Amino acid sequence: MADISFKRPEQEMEEVRKLQRNVIGRTDYARVTCILMLILDFSPDLVAQGLGIDVATVYRYKNLYVRGKTDSLLEDRYKGYWGRLETWAD
């Protein structure tokens, strides 16, 4: 498995902690908590287990953060289904 070493300056960790407190109950919470756990040196497997997400998702969140810091974690990329629902008659 690839090296996931993710040491960050104390100031950056505090910024992520503040953000975590602000997103409690939102869909962004798992993303922000994942990054915080990685900064605190948790293994990707432990992060995935603790948050109930896949290990690949942990790596994806890490890459998002590396590319765009906290802004990229808060982007809402969800696209709902815009198709038509069919009704099925018996």
N, C-alpha and C. Protein backbone atom coordinates (compact mmCIF):
# COMPACT_ATOMS: atom_id res chain seq x y z
N MET A 1 0.84 -1.18 0.00
CA MET A 1 0.00 0.00 0.00
C MET A 1 0.88 1.24 0.00
N ALA A 2 0.42 2.31 -0.63
CA ALA A 2 1.20 3.54 -0.76
C ALA A 2 1.37 4.23 0.59
N ASP A 3 2.43 5.02 0.68
CA ASP A 3 2.69 5.78 1.89
C ASP A 3 1.65 6.88 2.03
N ILE A 4 1.01 6.94 3.17
CA ILE A 4 -0.05 7.92 3.40
C ILE A 4 0.39 8.99 4.39
N SER A 5 1.67 9.07 4.69
CA SER A 5 2.17 10.06 5.64
C SER A 5 1.59 11.43 5.30
N PHE A 6 0.99 12.05 6.29
CA PHE A 6 0.21 13.25 6.02
C PHE A 6 0.40 14.29 7.11
N LYS A 7 1.64 14.48 7.52
CA LYS A 7 1.93 15.46 8.56
C LYS A 7 1.64 16.86 8.04
N ARG A 8 0.98 17.65 8.87
CA ARG A 8 0.64 19.02 8.54
C ARG A 8 1.00 19.93 9.71
N PRO A 9 1.22 21.22 9.43
CA PRO A 9 1.52 22.16 10.52
C PRO A 9 0.37 22.25 11.52
N GLU A 10 0.68 22.59 12.73
CA GLU A 10 -0.32 22.70 13.80
C GLU A 10 -1.44 23.67 13.43
N GLN A 11 -1.09 24.78 12.80
CA GLN A 11 -2.09 25.78 12.41
C GLN A 11 -3.10 25.18 11.42
N GLU A 12 -2.62 24.40 10.49
CA GLU A 12 -3.49 23.77 9.51
C GLU A 12 -4.41 22.74 10.18
N MET A 13 -3.87 22.01 11.15
CA MET A 13 -4.69 21.04 11.87
C MET A 13 -5.79 21.76 12.66
N GLU A 14 -5.48 22.89 13.26
CA GLU A 14 -6.49 23.65 14.00
C GLU A 14 -7.58 24.17 13.06
N GLU A 15 -7.19 24.56 11.86
CA GLU A 15 -8.17 25.01 10.87
C GLU A 15 -9.14 23.87 10.52
N VAL A 16 -8.61 22.67 10.35
CA VAL A 16 -9.46 21.51 10.04
C VAL A 16 -10.35 21.17 11.23
N ARG A 17 -9.84 21.30 12.45
CA ARG A 17 -10.66 21.06 13.65
C ARG A 17 -11.83 22.03 13.73
N LYS A 18 -11.57 23.31 13.47
CA LYS A 18 -12.64 24.31 13.49
C LYS A 18 -13.69 23.99 12.43
N LEU A 19 -13.22 23.62 11.26
CA LEU A 19 -14.13 23.27 10.18
C LEU A 19 -14.98 22.07 10.58
N GLN A 20 -14.37 21.09 11.22
CA GLN A 20 -15.11 19.90 11.65
C GLN A 20 -16.25 20.27 12.58
N ARG A 21 -16.00 21.18 13.51
CA ARG A 21 -17.06 21.61 14.43
C ARG A 21 -18.20 22.31 13.70
N ASN A 22 -17.88 22.99 12.60
CA ASN A 22 -18.89 23.73 11.86
C ASN A 22 -19.72 22.86 10.92
N VAL A 23 -19.27 21.66 10.62
CA VAL A 23 -20.00 20.81 9.66
C VAL A 23 -20.67 19.61 10.32
N ILE A 24 -20.74 19.59 11.65
CA ILE A 24 -21.40 18.47 12.33
C ILE A 24 -22.83 18.34 11.81
N GLY A 25 -23.20 17.13 11.47
CA GLY A 25 -24.54 16.85 10.97
C GLY A 25 -24.71 17.04 9.47
N ARG A 26 -23.69 17.49 8.80
CA ARG A 26 -23.76 17.68 7.35
C ARG A 26 -23.03 16.54 6.65
N THR A 27 -23.24 16.43 5.36
CA THR A 27 -22.59 15.38 4.58
C THR A 27 -21.08 15.58 4.50
N ASP A 28 -20.61 16.80 4.71
CA ASP A 28 -19.18 17.10 4.66
C ASP A 28 -18.42 16.56 5.87
N TYR A 29 -19.13 16.20 6.91
CA TYR A 29 -18.50 15.81 8.18
C TYR A 29 -17.52 14.65 8.01
N ALA A 30 -17.91 13.62 7.26
CA ALA A 30 -17.03 12.46 7.08
C ALA A 30 -15.76 12.85 6.34
N ARG A 31 -15.88 13.72 5.34
CA ARG A 31 -14.70 14.16 4.58
C ARG A 31 -13.72 14.90 5.47
N VAL A 32 -14.24 15.84 6.25
CA VAL A 32 -13.38 16.66 7.11
C VAL A 32 -12.78 15.81 8.22
N THR A 33 -13.58 14.93 8.81
CA THR A 33 -13.08 14.07 9.88
C THR A 33 -12.02 13.11 9.35
N CYS A 34 -12.19 12.64 8.14
CA CYS A 34 -11.20 11.77 7.50
C CYS A 34 -9.86 12.47 7.43
N ILE A 35 -9.86 13.71 6.96
CA ILE A 35 -8.61 14.47 6.85
C ILE A 35 -8.00 14.70 8.22
N LEU A 36 -8.81 15.04 9.19
CA LEU A 36 -8.30 15.25 10.54
C LEU A 36 -7.67 13.98 11.10
N MET A 37 -8.31 12.85 10.88
CA MET A 37 -7.76 11.58 11.37
C MET A 37 -6.43 11.25 10.68
N LEU A 38 -6.32 11.55 9.40
CA LEU A 38 -5.06 11.32 8.69
C LEU A 38 -3.96 12.23 9.23
N ILE A 39 -4.30 13.49 9.50
CA ILE A 39 -3.33 14.42 10.07
C ILE A 39 -2.85 13.93 11.43
N LEU A 40 -3.78 13.31 12.19
CA LEU A 40 -3.44 12.78 13.51
C LEU A 40 -2.74 11.43 13.43
N ASP A 41 -2.40 11.01 12.22
CA ASP A 41 -1.60 9.81 11.96
C ASP A 41 -2.36 8.49 12.14
N PHE A 42 -3.67 8.51 11.94
CA PHE A 42 -4.43 7.26 11.90
C PHE A 42 -4.14 6.59 10.56
N SER A 43 -4.17 5.27 10.53
CA SER A 43 -3.94 4.56 9.28
C SER A 43 -5.19 4.68 8.40
N PRO A 44 -5.04 4.61 7.08
CA PRO A 44 -6.20 4.67 6.18
C PRO A 44 -7.24 3.59 6.50
N ASP A 45 -6.76 2.38 6.89
CA ASP A 45 -7.70 1.31 7.24
C ASP A 45 -8.52 1.67 8.47
N LEU A 46 -7.88 2.25 9.47
CA LEU A 46 -8.57 2.63 10.69
C LEU A 46 -9.55 3.77 10.43
N VAL A 47 -9.15 4.72 9.61
CA VAL A 47 -10.03 5.84 9.24
C VAL A 47 -11.27 5.29 8.53
N ALA A 48 -11.06 4.41 7.57
CA ALA A 48 -12.17 3.82 6.82
C ALA A 48 -13.11 3.06 7.74
N GLN A 49 -12.54 2.27 8.62
CA GLN A 49 -13.35 1.49 9.56
C GLN A 49 -14.14 2.40 10.50
N GLY A 50 -13.48 3.42 11.02
CA GLY A 50 -14.12 4.32 11.97
C GLY A 50 -15.24 5.15 11.37
N LEU A 51 -15.09 5.51 10.11
CA LEU A 51 -16.09 6.36 9.46
C LEU A 51 -17.09 5.57 8.62
N GLY A 52 -16.84 4.28 8.48
CA GLY A 52 -17.75 3.45 7.68
C GLY A 52 -17.67 3.74 6.19
N ILE A 53 -16.47 4.06 5.72
CA ILE A 53 -16.26 4.32 4.31
C ILE A 53 -15.20 3.37 3.78
N ASP A 54 -15.05 3.33 2.47
CA ASP A 54 -14.07 2.47 1.83
C ASP A 54 -12.68 3.10 1.90
N VAL A 55 -11.65 2.28 1.92
CA VAL A 55 -10.27 2.78 1.97
C VAL A 55 -9.98 3.65 0.74
N ALA A 56 -10.52 3.27 -0.41
CA ALA A 56 -10.32 4.08 -1.62
C ALA A 56 -10.91 5.48 -1.44
N THR A 57 -11.98 5.58 -0.70
CA THR A 57 -12.60 6.87 -0.42
C THR A 57 -11.69 7.72 0.46
N VAL A 58 -11.01 7.09 1.40
CA VAL A 58 -10.05 7.81 2.25
C VAL A 58 -8.97 8.45 1.37
N TYR A 59 -8.43 7.69 0.44
CA TYR A 59 -7.41 8.21 -0.47
C TYR A 59 -7.97 9.32 -1.36
N ARG A 60 -9.21 9.16 -1.80
CA ARG A 60 -9.84 10.18 -2.65
C ARG A 60 -10.00 11.49 -1.87
N TYR A 61 -10.46 11.41 -0.62
CA TYR A 61 -10.60 12.60 0.21
C TYR A 61 -9.25 13.26 0.46
N LYS A 62 -8.22 12.44 0.69
CA LYS A 62 -6.88 12.99 0.91
C LYS A 62 -6.42 13.74 -0.33
N ASN A 63 -6.61 13.16 -1.50
CA ASN A 63 -6.20 13.82 -2.75
C ASN A 63 -6.98 15.10 -2.99
N LEU A 64 -8.27 15.10 -2.66
CA LEU A 64 -9.07 16.32 -2.76
C LEU A 64 -8.48 17.42 -1.89
N TYR A 65 -8.14 17.06 -0.67
CA TYR A 65 -7.60 18.03 0.27
C TYR A 65 -6.25 18.57 -0.19
N VAL A 66 -5.41 17.69 -0.69
CA VAL A 66 -4.08 18.11 -1.14
C VAL A 66 -4.20 19.10 -2.30
N ARG A 67 -5.17 18.87 -3.18
CA ARG A 67 -5.35 19.74 -4.34
C ARG A 67 -5.99 21.08 -4.00
N GLY A 68 -6.97 21.07 -3.07
CA GLY A 68 -7.72 22.31 -2.86
C GLY A 68 -7.98 22.69 -1.42
N LYS A 69 -7.29 22.08 -0.49
CA LYS A 69 -7.47 22.34 0.95
C LYS A 69 -8.95 22.18 1.33
N THR A 70 -9.41 22.96 2.28
CA THR A 70 -10.75 22.74 2.82
C THR A 70 -11.85 23.09 1.81
N ASP A 71 -11.58 24.02 0.91
CA ASP A 71 -12.61 24.37 -0.08
C ASP A 71 -13.03 23.18 -0.92
N SER A 72 -12.08 22.35 -1.30
CA SER A 72 -12.40 21.20 -2.14
C SER A 72 -13.22 20.16 -1.37
N LEU A 73 -13.03 20.08 -0.05
CA LEU A 73 -13.81 19.13 0.74
C LEU A 73 -15.27 19.55 0.86
N LEU A 74 -15.52 20.83 0.78
CA LEU A 74 -16.87 21.35 0.98
C LEU A 74 -17.66 21.50 -0.31
N GLU A 75 -17.01 21.27 -1.44
CA GLU A 75 -17.74 21.35 -2.72
C GLU A 75 -18.83 20.30 -2.76
N ASP A 76 -19.98 20.70 -3.26
CA ASP A 76 -21.08 19.75 -3.38
C ASP A 76 -21.13 19.26 -4.82
N ARG A 77 -20.61 18.06 -5.04
CA ARG A 77 -20.56 17.50 -6.39
C ARG A 77 -21.74 16.57 -6.67
N TYR A 78 -22.68 16.50 -5.75
CA TYR A 78 -23.80 15.58 -5.91
C TYR A 78 -24.73 16.06 -7.01
N LYS A 79 -25.00 15.20 -7.93
CA LYS A 79 -25.95 15.50 -8.99
C LYS A 79 -27.10 14.51 -8.88
N GLY A 80 -28.25 15.00 -8.56
CA GLY A 80 -29.42 14.13 -8.42
C GLY A 80 -29.88 13.60 -9.77
N TYR A 81 -30.73 12.61 -9.73
CA TYR A 81 -31.25 12.01 -10.96
C TYR A 81 -32.30 12.93 -11.56
N TRP A 82 -32.10 13.30 -12.84
CA TRP A 82 -33.01 14.20 -13.51
C TRP A 82 -33.90 13.46 -14.52
N GLY A 83 -33.80 12.17 -14.55
CA GLY A 83 -34.61 11.39 -15.49
C GLY A 83 -36.05 11.27 -15.03
N ARG A 84 -36.83 10.67 -15.85
CA ARG A 84 -38.24 10.50 -15.56
C ARG A 84 -38.47 9.16 -14.87
N LEU A 85 -39.26 9.17 -13.84
CA LEU A 85 -39.61 7.92 -13.19
C LEU A 85 -40.78 7.29 -13.92
N GLU A 86 -40.65 6.06 -14.25
CA GLU A 86 -41.71 5.34 -14.97
C GLU A 86 -42.67 4.72 -13.97
N THR A 87 -43.92 4.67 -14.32
CA THR A 87 -44.89 3.97 -13.50
C THR A 87 -45.17 2.64 -14.19
N TRP A 88 -45.16 1.62 -13.42
CA TRP A 88 -45.34 0.29 -13.97
C TRP A 88 -46.75 -0.19 -13.63
N ALA A 89 -47.51 -0.47 -14.64
CA ALA A 89 -48.86 -0.98 -14.44
C ALA A 89 -48.85 -2.49 -14.58
N ASP A 90 -49.60 -3.14 -13.73
CA ASP A 90 -49.66 -4.61 -13.80
C ASP A 90 -50.59 -5.07 -14.88
